[in-house]
Amino acid sequence: MRPIEPPAQVEVNEERKYVQVNDSACSLLGYSRDELLKMRIDDVSYPSGAHVSPMFEHYRTEGGMKGVFAVKTKGGEVLWIRYESAVEDGRLIARWTEYEPVDMSES
């Protein structure tokens, strides 16, 4: 996986809507800050947002998660993202540290 420098950081609210994103997250996903702040995690999840709700509930209940998930960029590229998330001072924050493009020609 390729490092994201500096790590991308996103904060979401209880409805999984982005409320804060840093420049690295914008650059990685190809969206402007204004565009992302109108979106939800579900909007960039790949292949769809259907799996996001149970994962998000687990994250909130446990106070954090880490692993790998797939996102689709504004340009249509699918990326595997390594993340760590935690509830910090009541804020739901995720840091994306590495990514790897998915070769869609194999699917």
PDB file of N, CA and C in Angstrom:
ATOM      1  N   MET A   1       0.840  -1.184   0.000  1.00  0.00           N
ATOM      2  CA  MET A   1       0.000   0.000   0.000  1.00  0.00           C
ATOM      3  C   MET A   1       0.882   1.243   0.000  1.00  0.00           C
ATOM      4  N   ARG A   2       0.352   2.303  -0.539  1.00  0.00           N
ATOM      5  CA  ARG A   2       1.075   3.570  -0.629  1.00  0.00           C
ATOM      6  C   ARG A   2       0.677   4.476   0.527  1.00  0.00           C
ATOM      7  N   PRO A   3       1.643   5.131   1.159  1.00  0.00           N
ATOM      8  CA  PRO A   3       1.290   6.014   2.273  1.00  0.00           C
ATOM      9  C   PRO A   3       0.561   7.265   1.792  1.00  0.00           C
ATOM     10  N   ILE A   4      -0.318   7.772   2.618  1.00  0.00           N
ATOM     11  CA  ILE A   4      -0.994   9.051   2.389  1.00  0.00           C
ATOM     12  C   ILE A   4      -0.292  10.054   3.290  1.00  0.00           C
ATOM     13  N   GLU A   5       0.353  11.031   2.698  1.00  0.00           N
ATOM     14  CA  GLU A   5       1.136  12.010   3.459  1.00  0.00           C
ATOM     15  C   GLU A   5       0.615  13.411   3.244  1.00  0.00           C
ATOM     16  N   PRO A   6       0.236  14.111   4.272  1.00  0.00           N
ATOM     17  CA  PRO A   6      -0.069  13.590   5.608  1.00  0.00           C
ATOM     18  C   PRO A   6      -1.328  12.738   5.555  1.00  0.00           C
ATOM     19  N   PRO A   7      -1.577  11.936   6.592  1.00  0.00           N
ATOM     20  CA  PRO A   7      -2.771  11.091   6.583  1.00  0.00           C
ATOM     21  C   PRO A   7      -4.037  11.897   6.333  1.00  0.00           C
ATOM     22  N   ALA A   8      -4.942  11.304   5.594  1.00  0.00           N
ATOM     23  CA  ALA A   8      -6.249  11.922   5.380  1.00  0.00           C
ATOM     24  C   ALA A   8      -7.038  11.786   6.678  1.00  0.00           C
ATOM     25  N   GLN A   9      -7.768  12.815   7.026  1.00  0.00           N
ATOM     26  CA  GLN A   9      -8.594  12.754   8.229  1.00  0.00           C
ATOM     27  C   GLN A   9      -9.982  13.280   7.906  1.00  0.00           C
ATOM     28  N   VAL A  10     -10.972  12.526   8.341  1.00  0.00           N
ATOM     29  CA  VAL A  10     -12.363  12.933   8.153  1.00  0.00           C
ATOM     30  C   VAL A  10     -13.082  12.811   9.489  1.00  0.00           C
ATOM     31  N   GLU A  11     -14.045  13.682   9.682  1.00  0.00           N
ATOM     32  CA  GLU A  11     -14.916  13.612  10.845  1.00  0.00           C
ATOM     33  C   GLU A  11     -16.340  13.551  10.327  1.00  0.00           C
ATOM     34  N   VAL A  12     -17.142  12.662  10.908  1.00  0.00           N
ATOM     35  CA  VAL A  12     -18.527  12.516  10.491  1.00  0.00           C
ATOM     36  C   VAL A  12     -19.446  12.691  11.692  1.00  0.00           C
ATOM     37  N   ASN A  13     -20.697  13.022  11.397  1.00  0.00           N
ATOM     38  CA  ASN A  13     -21.679  13.143  12.471  1.00  0.00           C
ATOM     39  C   ASN A  13     -22.453  11.840  12.609  1.00  0.00           C
ATOM     40  N   GLU A  14     -23.477  11.850  13.440  1.00  0.00           N
ATOM     41  CA  GLU A  14     -24.269  10.645  13.703  1.00  0.00           C
ATOM     42  C   GLU A  14     -25.000  10.125  12.464  1.00  0.00           C
ATOM     43  N   GLU A  15     -25.200  10.974  11.465  1.00  0.00           N
ATOM     44  CA  GLU A  15     -25.855  10.547  10.223  1.00  0.00           C
ATOM     45  C   GLU A  15     -24.837  10.119   9.168  1.00  0.00           C
ATOM     46  N   ARG A  16     -23.574   9.976   9.565  1.00  0.00           N
ATOM     47  CA  ARG A  16     -22.465   9.555   8.699  1.00  0.00           C
ATOM     48  C   ARG A  16     -22.124  10.614   7.649  1.00  0.00           C
ATOM     49  N   LYS A  17     -22.538  11.844   7.897  1.00  0.00           N
ATOM     50  CA  LYS A  17     -22.238  12.956   6.993  1.00  0.00           C
ATOM     51  C   LYS A  17     -20.899  13.569   7.373  1.00  0.00           C
ATOM     52  N   TYR A  18     -20.092  13.865   6.362  1.00  0.00           N
ATOM     53  CA  TYR A  18     -18.810  14.516   6.628  1.00  0.00           C
ATOM     54  C   TYR A  18     -19.046  15.905   7.198  1.00  0.00           C
ATOM     55  N   VAL A  19     -18.398  16.223   8.310  1.00  0.00           N
ATOM     56  CA  VAL A  19     -18.495  17.554   8.905  1.00  0.00           C
ATOM     57  C   VAL A  19     -17.139  18.251   8.922  1.00  0.00           C
ATOM     58  N   GLN A  20     -16.085  17.474   8.687  1.00  0.00           N
ATOM     59  CA  GLN A  20     -14.752  18.046   8.582  1.00  0.00           C
ATOM     60  C   GLN A  20     -13.885  17.081   7.771  1.00  0.00           C
ATOM     61  N   VAL A  21     -13.127  17.623   6.833  1.00  0.00           N
ATOM     62  CA  VAL A  21     -12.203  16.827   6.015  1.00  0.00           C
ATOM     63  C   VAL A  21     -10.932  17.645   5.823  1.00  0.00           C
ATOM     64  N   ASN A  22      -9.804  16.971   5.788  1.00  0.00           N
ATOM     65  CA  ASN A  22      -8.569  17.721   5.546  1.00  0.00           C
ATOM     66  C   ASN A  22      -8.196  17.682   4.060  1.00  0.00           C
ATOM     67  N   ASP A  23      -7.155  18.421   3.710  1.00  0.00           N
ATOM     68  CA  ASP A  23      -6.732  18.513   2.310  1.00  0.00           C
ATOM     69  C   ASP A  23      -6.372  17.155   1.717  1.00  0.00           C
ATOM     70  N   SER A  24      -5.755  16.287   2.520  1.00  0.00           N
ATOM     71  CA  SER A  24      -5.371  14.960   2.014  1.00  0.00           C
ATOM     72  C   SER A  24      -6.592  14.141   1.612  1.00  0.00           C
ATOM     73  N   ALA A  25      -7.666  14.221   2.387  1.00  0.00           N
ATOM     74  CA  ALA A  25      -8.895  13.490   2.051  1.00  0.00           C
ATOM     75  C   ALA A  25      -9.488  14.025   0.748  1.00  0.00           C
ATOM     76  N   CYS A  26      -9.500  15.351   0.608  1.00  0.00           N
ATOM     77  CA  CYS A  26     -10.022  15.963  -0.624  1.00  0.00           C
ATOM     78  C   CYS A  26      -9.201  15.521  -1.832  1.00  0.00           C
ATOM     79  N   SER A  27      -7.898  15.581  -1.697  1.00  0.00           N
ATOM     80  CA  SER A  27      -7.008  15.219  -2.795  1.00  0.00           C
ATOM     81  C   SER A  27      -7.164  13.744  -3.169  1.00  0.00           C
ATOM     82  N   LEU A  28      -7.214  12.884  -2.178  1.00  0.00           N
ATOM     83  CA  LEU A  28      -7.325  11.452  -2.423  1.00  0.00           C
ATOM     84  C   LEU A  28      -8.632  11.106  -3.133  1.00  0.00           C
ATOM     85  N   LEU A  29      -9.727  11.694  -2.709  1.00  0.00           N
ATOM     86  CA  LEU A  29     -11.036  11.378  -3.276  1.00  0.00           C
ATOM     87  C   LEU A  29     -11.367  12.192  -4.524  1.00  0.00           C
ATOM     88  N   GLY A  30     -10.644  13.303  -4.741  1.00  0.00           N
ATOM     89  CA  GLY A  30     -10.868  14.116  -5.927  1.00  0.00           C
ATOM     90  C   GLY A  30     -12.023  15.096  -5.807  1.00  0.00           C
ATOM     91  N   TYR A  31     -12.528  15.270  -4.615  1.00  0.00           N
ATOM     92  CA  TYR A  31     -13.627  16.207  -4.382  1.00  0.00           C
ATOM     93  C   TYR A  31     -13.105  17.446  -3.672  1.00  0.00           C
ATOM     94  N   SER A  32     -13.771  18.571  -3.883  1.00  0.00           N
ATOM     95  CA  SER A  32     -13.441  19.768  -3.118  1.00  0.00           C
ATOM     96  C   SER A  32     -13.981  19.594  -1.694  1.00  0.00           C
ATOM     97  N   ARG A  33     -13.494  20.399  -0.787  1.00  0.00           N
ATOM     98  CA  ARG A  33     -13.987  20.364   0.590  1.00  0.00           C
ATOM     99  C   ARG A  33     -15.505  20.623   0.612  1.00  0.00           C
ATOM    100  N   ASP A  34     -15.965  21.629  -0.138  1.00  0.00           N
ATOM    101  CA  ASP A  34     -17.393  21.941  -0.168  1.00  0.00           C
ATOM    102  C   ASP A  34     -18.216  20.756  -0.661  1.00  0.00           C
ATOM    103  N   GLU A  35     -17.718  20.042  -1.664  1.00  0.00           N
ATOM    104  CA  GLU A  35     -18.445  18.878  -2.179  1.00  0.00           C
ATOM    105  C   GLU A  35     -18.529  17.786  -1.113  1.00  0.00           C
ATOM    106  N   LEU A  36     -17.391  17.482  -0.484  1.00  0.00           N
ATOM    107  CA  LEU A  36     -17.384  16.414   0.523  1.00  0.00           C
ATOM    108  C   LEU A  36     -18.265  16.751   1.718  1.00  0.00           C
ATOM    109  N   LEU A  37     -18.313  18.000   2.103  1.00  0.00           N
ATOM    110  CA  LEU A  37     -19.121  18.379   3.262  1.00  0.00           C
ATOM    111  C   LEU A  37     -20.626  18.290   2.991  1.00  0.00           C
ATOM    112  N   LYS A  38     -20.991  18.020   1.756  1.00  0.00           N
ATOM    113  CA  LYS A  38     -22.391  17.775   1.400  1.00  0.00           C
ATOM    114  C   LYS A  38     -22.664  16.281   1.251  1.00  0.00           C
ATOM    115  N   MET A  39     -21.656  15.451   1.515  1.00  0.00           N
ATOM    116  CA  MET A  39     -21.755  14.019   1.268  1.00  0.00           C
ATOM    117  C   MET A  39     -21.711  13.218   2.566  1.00  0.00           C
ATOM    118  N   ARG A  40     -22.001  11.930   2.430  1.00  0.00           N
ATOM    119  CA  ARG A  40     -21.941  10.978   3.541  1.00  0.00           C
ATOM    120  C   ARG A  40     -20.915   9.901   3.189  1.00  0.00           C
ATOM    121  N   ILE A  41     -20.500   9.160   4.196  1.00  0.00           N
ATOM    122  CA  ILE A  41     -19.596   8.024   3.970  1.00  0.00           C
ATOM    123  C   ILE A  41     -20.175   7.121   2.884  1.00  0.00           C
ATOM    124  N   ASP A  42     -21.467   6.896   2.955  1.00  0.00           N
ATOM    125  CA  ASP A  42     -22.158   6.012   2.014  1.00  0.00           C
ATOM    126  C   ASP A  42     -21.937   6.419   0.558  1.00  0.00           C
ATOM    127  N   ASP A  43     -21.759   7.717   0.316  1.00  0.00           N
ATOM    128  CA  ASP A  43     -21.628   8.228  -1.047  1.00  0.00           C
ATOM    129  C   ASP A  43     -20.316   7.834  -1.716  1.00  0.00           C
ATOM    130  N   VAL A  44     -19.272   7.582  -0.952  1.00  0.00           N
ATOM    131  CA  VAL A  44     -17.985   7.216  -1.545  1.00  0.00           C
ATOM    132  C   VAL A  44     -17.636   5.747  -1.327  1.00  0.00           C
ATOM    133  N   SER A  45     -18.426   5.048  -0.517  1.00  0.00           N
ATOM    134  CA  SER A  45     -18.160   3.630  -0.261  1.00  0.00           C
ATOM    135  C   SER A  45     -18.364   2.825  -1.535  1.00  0.00           C
ATOM    136  N   TYR A  46     -17.548   1.790  -1.700  1.00  0.00           N
ATOM    137  CA  TYR A  46     -17.646   0.935  -2.874  1.00  0.00           C
ATOM    138  C   TYR A  46     -17.821  -0.503  -2.399  1.00  0.00           C
ATOM    139  N   PRO A  47     -18.691  -1.296  -3.016  1.00  0.00           N
ATOM    140  CA  PRO A  47     -19.457  -1.017  -4.219  1.00  0.00           C
ATOM    141  C   PRO A  47     -20.707  -0.202  -3.955  1.00  0.00           C
ATOM    142  N   SER A  48     -21.198  -0.159  -2.713  1.00  0.00           N
ATOM    143  CA  SER A  48     -22.350   0.678  -2.381  1.00  0.00           C
ATOM    144  C   SER A  48     -22.273   1.004  -0.903  1.00  0.00           C
ATOM    145  N   GLY A  49     -23.160   1.842  -0.457  1.00  0.00           N
ATOM    146  CA  GLY A  49     -23.166   2.213   0.948  1.00  0.00           C
ATOM    147  C   GLY A  49     -23.907   1.236   1.844  1.00  0.00           C
ATOM    148  N   ALA A  50     -24.415   0.134   1.302  1.00  0.00           N
ATOM    149  CA  ALA A  50     -25.242  -0.794   2.076  1.00  0.00           C
ATOM    150  C   ALA A  50     -24.523  -1.371   3.292  1.00  0.00           C
ATOM    151  N   HIS A  51     -23.245  -1.595   3.189  1.00  0.00           N
ATOM    152  CA  HIS A  51     -22.492  -2.191   4.294  1.00  0.00           C
ATOM    153  C   HIS A  51     -22.057  -1.163   5.335  1.00  0.00           C
ATOM    154  N   VAL A  52     -22.231   0.115   5.049  1.00  0.00           N
ATOM    155  CA  VAL A  52     -21.722   1.162   5.924  1.00  0.00           C
ATOM    156  C   VAL A  52     -22.484   1.223   7.245  1.00  0.00           C
ATOM    157  N   SER A  53     -23.803   1.100   7.216  1.00  0.00           N
ATOM    158  CA  SER A  53     -24.605   1.243   8.420  1.00  0.00           C
ATOM    159  C   SER A  53     -24.197   0.266   9.530  1.00  0.00           C
ATOM    160  N   PRO A  54     -24.103  -1.042   9.271  1.00  0.00           N
ATOM    161  CA  PRO A  54     -23.698  -1.943  10.354  1.00  0.00           C
ATOM    162  C   PRO A  54     -22.257  -1.699  10.820  1.00  0.00           C
ATOM    163  N   MET A  55     -21.370  -1.357   9.889  1.00  0.00           N
ATOM    164  CA  MET A  55     -19.985  -1.062  10.290  1.00  0.00           C
ATOM    165  C   MET A  55     -19.944   0.185  11.167  1.00  0.00           C
ATOM    166  N   PHE A  56     -20.704   1.188  10.790  1.00  0.00           N
ATOM    167  CA  PHE A  56     -20.721   2.440  11.536  1.00  0.00           C
ATOM    168  C   PHE A  56     -21.275   2.227  12.939  1.00  0.00           C
ATOM    169  N   GLU A  57     -22.318   1.425  13.051  1.00  0.00           N
ATOM    170  CA  GLU A  57     -22.904   1.141  14.370  1.00  0.00           C
ATOM    171  C   GLU A  57     -21.902   0.409  15.253  1.00  0.00           C
ATOM    172  N   HIS A  58     -21.169  -0.533  14.675  1.00  0.00           N
ATOM    173  CA  HIS A  58     -20.129  -1.247  15.422  1.00  0.00           C
ATOM    174  C   HIS A  58     -19.049  -0.265  15.897  1.00  0.00           C
ATOM    175  N   TYR A  59     -18.642   0.618  15.007  1.00  0.00           N
ATOM    176  CA  TYR A  59     -17.632   1.636  15.320  1.00  0.00           C
ATOM    177  C   TYR A  59     -18.084   2.507  16.488  1.00  0.00           C
ATOM    178  N   ARG A  60     -19.314   2.975  16.444  1.00  0.00           N
ATOM    179  CA  ARG A  60     -19.843   3.826  17.519  1.00  0.00           C
ATOM    180  C   ARG A  60     -19.940   3.065  18.830  1.00  0.00           C
ATOM    181  N   THR A  61     -20.412   1.826  18.777  1.00  0.00           N
ATOM    182  CA  THR A  61     -20.581   1.010  19.981  1.00  0.00           C
ATOM    183  C   THR A  61     -19.237   0.673  20.620  1.00  0.00           C
ATOM    184  N   GLU A  62     -18.270   0.309  19.792  1.00  0.00           N
ATOM    185  CA  GLU A  62     -16.961  -0.105  20.291  1.00  0.00           C
ATOM    186  C   GLU A  62     -16.022   1.067  20.564  1.00  0.00           C
ATOM    187  N   GLY A  63     -16.337   2.239  20.020  1.00  0.00           N
ATOM    188  CA  GLY A  63     -15.487   3.408  20.230  1.00  0.00           C
ATOM    189  C   GLY A  63     -14.342   3.514  19.246  1.00  0.00           C
ATOM    190  N   GLY A  64     -14.308   2.624  18.249  1.00  0.00           N
ATOM    191  CA  GLY A  64     -13.272   2.694  17.232  1.00  0.00           C
ATOM    192  C   GLY A  64     -13.203   1.435  16.404  1.00  0.00           C
ATOM    193  N   MET A  65     -12.503   1.527  15.314  1.00  0.00           N
ATOM    194  CA  MET A  65     -12.285   0.395  14.415  1.00  0.00           C
ATOM    195  C   MET A  65     -11.018   0.670  13.618  1.00  0.00           C
ATOM    196  N   LYS A  66     -10.478  -0.378  13.036  1.00  0.00           N
ATOM    197  CA  LYS A  66      -9.410  -0.205  12.060  1.00  0.00           C
ATOM    198  C   LYS A  66      -9.490  -1.345  11.076  1.00  0.00           C
ATOM    199  N   GLY A  67      -8.959  -1.098   9.891  1.00  0.00           N
ATOM    200  CA  GLY A  67      -9.011  -2.106   8.854  1.00  0.00           C
ATOM    201  C   GLY A  67      -8.821  -1.501   7.488  1.00  0.00           C
ATOM    202  N   VAL A  68      -9.449  -2.127   6.488  1.00  0.00           N
ATOM    203  CA  VAL A  68      -9.348  -1.688   5.103  1.00  0.00           C
ATOM    204  C   VAL A  68     -10.757  -1.661   4.521  1.00  0.00           C
ATOM    205  N   PHE A  69     -11.073  -0.627   3.759  1.00  0.00           N
ATOM    206  CA  PHE A  69     -12.352  -0.553   3.066  1.00  0.00           C
ATOM    207  C   PHE A  69     -12.129   0.074   1.705  1.00  0.00           C
ATOM    208  N   ALA A  70     -13.103  -0.075   0.816  1.00  0.00           N
ATOM    209  CA  ALA A  70     -12.981   0.435  -0.550  1.00  0.00           C
ATOM    210  C   ALA A  70     -13.814   1.698  -0.719  1.00  0.00           C
ATOM    211  N   VAL A  71     -13.242   2.654  -1.447  1.00  0.00           N
ATOM    212  CA  VAL A  71     -13.943   3.886  -1.803  1.00  0.00           C
ATOM    213  C   VAL A  71     -13.840   4.089  -3.309  1.00  0.00           C
ATOM    214  N   LYS A  72     -14.757   4.890  -3.824  1.00  0.00           N
ATOM    215  CA  LYS A  72     -14.710   5.257  -5.237  1.00  0.00           C
ATOM    216  C   LYS A  72     -14.488   6.761  -5.308  1.00  0.00           C
ATOM    217  N   THR A  73     -13.463   7.166  -6.028  1.00  0.00           N
ATOM    218  CA  THR A  73     -13.134   8.582  -6.156  1.00  0.00           C
ATOM    219  C   THR A  73     -14.097   9.272  -7.112  1.00  0.00           C
ATOM    220  N   LYS A  74     -14.039  10.585  -7.136  1.00  0.00           N
ATOM    221  CA  LYS A  74     -14.885  11.360  -8.046  1.00  0.00           C
ATOM    222  C   LYS A  74     -14.621  10.959  -9.491  1.00  0.00           C
ATOM    223  N   GLY A  75     -13.375  10.612  -9.807  1.00  0.00           N
ATOM    224  CA  GLY A  75     -13.013  10.199 -11.154  1.00  0.00           C
ATOM    225  C   GLY A  75     -13.341   8.753 -11.478  1.00  0.00           C
ATOM    226  N   GLY A  76     -13.931   8.010 -10.510  1.00  0.00           N
ATOM    227  CA  GLY A  76     -14.334   6.633 -10.760  1.00  0.00           C
ATOM    228  C   GLY A  76     -13.319   5.579 -10.365  1.00  0.00           C
ATOM    229  N   GLU A  77     -12.147   5.976  -9.883  1.00  0.00           N
ATOM    230  CA  GLU A  77     -11.138   5.008  -9.458  1.00  0.00           C
ATOM    231  C   GLU A  77     -11.543   4.402  -8.118  1.00  0.00           C
ATOM    232  N   VAL A  78     -11.343   3.106  -7.975  1.00  0.00           N
ATOM    233  CA  VAL A  78     -11.635   2.430  -6.719  1.00  0.00           C
ATOM    234  C   VAL A  78     -10.314   2.233  -5.977  1.00  0.00           C
ATOM    235  N   LEU A  79     -10.331   2.589  -4.691  1.00  0.00           N
ATOM    236  CA  LEU A  79      -9.132   2.492  -3.860  1.00  0.00           C
ATOM    237  C   LEU A  79      -9.422   1.685  -2.603  1.00  0.00           C
ATOM    238  N   TRP A  80      -8.471   0.834  -2.223  1.00  0.00           N
ATOM    239  CA  TRP A  80      -8.504   0.225  -0.892  1.00  0.00           C
ATOM    240  C   TRP A  80      -7.854   1.224   0.053  1.00  0.00           C
ATOM    241  N   ILE A  81      -8.507   1.525   1.151  1.00  0.00           N
ATOM    242  CA  ILE A  81      -8.017   2.496   2.112  1.00  0.00           C
ATOM    243  C   ILE A  81      -7.783   1.802   3.453  1.00  0.00           C
ATOM    244  N   ARG A  82      -6.577   1.961   4.018  1.00  0.00           N
ATOM    245  CA  ARG A  82      -6.311   1.492   5.376  1.00  0.00           C
ATOM    246  C   ARG A  82      -6.687   2.634   6.311  1.00  0.00           C
ATOM    247  N   TYR A  83      -7.484   2.323   7.326  1.00  0.00           N
ATOM    248  CA  TYR A  83      -7.987   3.370   8.213  1.00  0.00           C
ATOM    249  C   TYR A  83      -7.913   2.954   9.673  1.00  0.00           C
ATOM    250  N   GLU A  84      -7.943   3.941  10.526  1.00  0.00           N
ATOM    251  CA  GLU A  84      -8.138   3.781  11.962  1.00  0.00           C
ATOM    252  C   GLU A  84      -9.154   4.834  12.359  1.00  0.00           C
ATOM    253  N   SER A  85     -10.160   4.444  13.117  1.00  0.00           N
ATOM    254  CA  SER A  85     -11.176   5.402  13.527  1.00  0.00           C
ATOM    255  C   SER A  85     -11.374   5.310  15.029  1.00  0.00           C
ATOM    256  N   ALA A  86     -11.778   6.419  15.610  1.00  0.00           N
ATOM    257  CA  ALA A  86     -12.017   6.458  17.044  1.00  0.00           C
ATOM    258  C   ALA A  86     -13.000   7.570  17.360  1.00  0.00           C
ATOM    259  N   VAL A  87     -13.673   7.397  18.466  1.00  0.00           N
ATOM    260  CA  VAL A  87     -14.509   8.459  19.005  1.00  0.00           C
ATOM    261  C   VAL A  87     -13.606   9.253  19.949  1.00  0.00           C
ATOM    262  N   GLU A  88     -13.365  10.508  19.598  1.00  0.00           N
ATOM    263  CA  GLU A  88     -12.476  11.366  20.382  1.00  0.00           C
ATOM    264  C   GLU A  88     -13.260  12.581  20.864  1.00  0.00           C
ATOM    265  N   ASP A  89     -13.425  12.698  22.166  1.00  0.00           N
ATOM    266  CA  ASP A  89     -14.183  13.817  22.744  1.00  0.00           C
ATOM    267  C   ASP A  89     -15.565  13.941  22.101  1.00  0.00           C
ATOM    268  N   GLY A  90     -16.214  12.805  21.860  1.00  0.00           N
ATOM    269  CA  GLY A  90     -17.533  12.794  21.266  1.00  0.00           C
ATOM    270  C   GLY A  90     -17.548  12.980  19.758  1.00  0.00           C
ATOM    271  N   ARG A  91     -16.378  13.185  19.174  1.00  0.00           N
ATOM    272  CA  ARG A  91     -16.266  13.377  17.725  1.00  0.00           C
ATOM    273  C   ARG A  91     -15.914  12.038  17.078  1.00  0.00           C
ATOM    274  N   LEU A  92     -16.513  11.756  15.925  1.00  0.00           N
ATOM    275  CA  LEU A  92     -16.291  10.502  15.205  1.00  0.00           C
ATOM    276  C   LEU A  92     -15.256  10.757  14.111  1.00  0.00           C
ATOM    277  N   ILE A  93     -14.025  10.342  14.368  1.00  0.00           N
ATOM    278  CA  ILE A  93     -12.900  10.705  13.507  1.00  0.00           C
ATOM    279  C   ILE A  93     -12.257   9.450  12.921  1.00  0.00           C
ATOM    280  N   ALA A  94     -11.931   9.523  11.630  1.00  0.00           N
ATOM    281  CA  ALA A  94     -11.201   8.448  10.960  1.00  0.00           C
ATOM    282  C   ALA A  94      -9.960   9.027  10.302  1.00  0.00           C
ATOM    283  N   ARG A  95      -8.868   8.290  10.404  1.00  0.00           N
ATOM    284  CA  ARG A  95      -7.622   8.655   9.734  1.00  0.00           C
ATOM    285  C   ARG A  95      -7.308   7.576   8.712  1.00  0.00           C
ATOM    286  N   TRP A  96      -7.074   8.021   7.478  1.00  0.00           N
ATOM    287  CA  TRP A  96      -6.723   7.124   6.387  1.00  0.00           C
ATOM    288  C   TRP A  96      -5.227   7.244   6.179  1.00  0.00           C
ATOM    289  N   THR A  97      -4.510   6.150   6.317  1.00  0.00           N
ATOM    290  CA  THR A  97      -3.050   6.209   6.314  1.00  0.00           C
ATOM    291  C   THR A  97      -2.394   5.656   5.056  1.00  0.00           C
ATOM    292  N   GLU A  98      -3.066   4.739   4.367  1.00  0.00           N
ATOM    293  CA  GLU A  98      -2.486   4.125   3.166  1.00  0.00           C
ATOM    294  C   GLU A  98      -3.600   3.813   2.173  1.00  0.00           C
ATOM    295  N   TYR A  99      -3.231   3.692   0.902  1.00  0.00           N
ATOM    296  CA  TYR A  99      -4.212   3.333  -0.110  1.00  0.00           C
ATOM    297  C   TYR A  99      -3.551   2.479  -1.183  1.00  0.00           C
ATOM    298  N   GLU A 100      -4.389   1.771  -1.898  1.00  0.00           N
ATOM    299  CA  GLU A 100      -3.935   0.957  -3.028  1.00  0.00           C
ATOM    300  C   GLU A 100      -5.037   0.968  -4.081  1.00  0.00           C
ATOM    301  N   PRO A 101      -4.716   1.363  -5.309  1.00  0.00           N
ATOM    302  CA  PRO A 101      -5.743   1.300  -6.365  1.00  0.00           C
ATOM    303  C   PRO A 101      -6.174  -0.148  -6.604  1.00  0.00           C
ATOM    304  N   VAL A 102      -7.439  -0.317  -6.921  1.00  0.00           N
ATOM    305  CA  VAL A 102      -7.990  -1.646  -7.227  1.00  0.00           C
ATOM    306  C   VAL A 102      -8.004  -1.786  -8.743  1.00  0.00           C
ATOM    307  N   ASP A 103      -7.461  -2.883  -9.237  1.00  0.00           N
ATOM    308  CA  ASP A 103      -7.469  -3.155 -10.677  1.00  0.00           C
ATOM    309  C   ASP A 103      -8.839  -3.687 -11.064  1.00  0.00           C
ATOM    310  N   MET A 104      -9.683  -2.825 -11.596  1.00  0.00           N
ATOM    311  CA  MET A 104     -11.061  -3.204 -11.925  1.00  0.00           C
ATOM    312  C   MET A 104     -11.141  -4.079 -13.172  1.00  0.00           C
ATOM    313  N   SER A 105     -10.048  -4.204 -13.915  1.00  0.00           N
ATOM    314  CA  SER A 105     -10.076  -5.058 -15.106  1.00  0.00           C
ATOM    315  C   SER A 105     -10.150  -6.537 -14.735  1.00  0.00           C
ATOM    316  N   GLU A 106      -9.836  -6.854 -13.481  1.00  0.00           N
ATOM    317  CA  GLU A 106      -9.874  -8.247 -13.031  1.00  0.00           C
ATOM    318  C   GLU A 106     -11.263  -8.650 -12.544  1.00  0.00           C
ATOM    319  N   SER A 107     -12.200  -7.705 -12.471  1.00  0.00           N
ATOM    320  CA  SER A 107     -13.529  -8.047 -11.948  1.00  0.00           C
ATOM    321  C   SER A 107     -14.521  -8.313 -13.043  1.00  0.00           C
TER     322      SER A 107
END
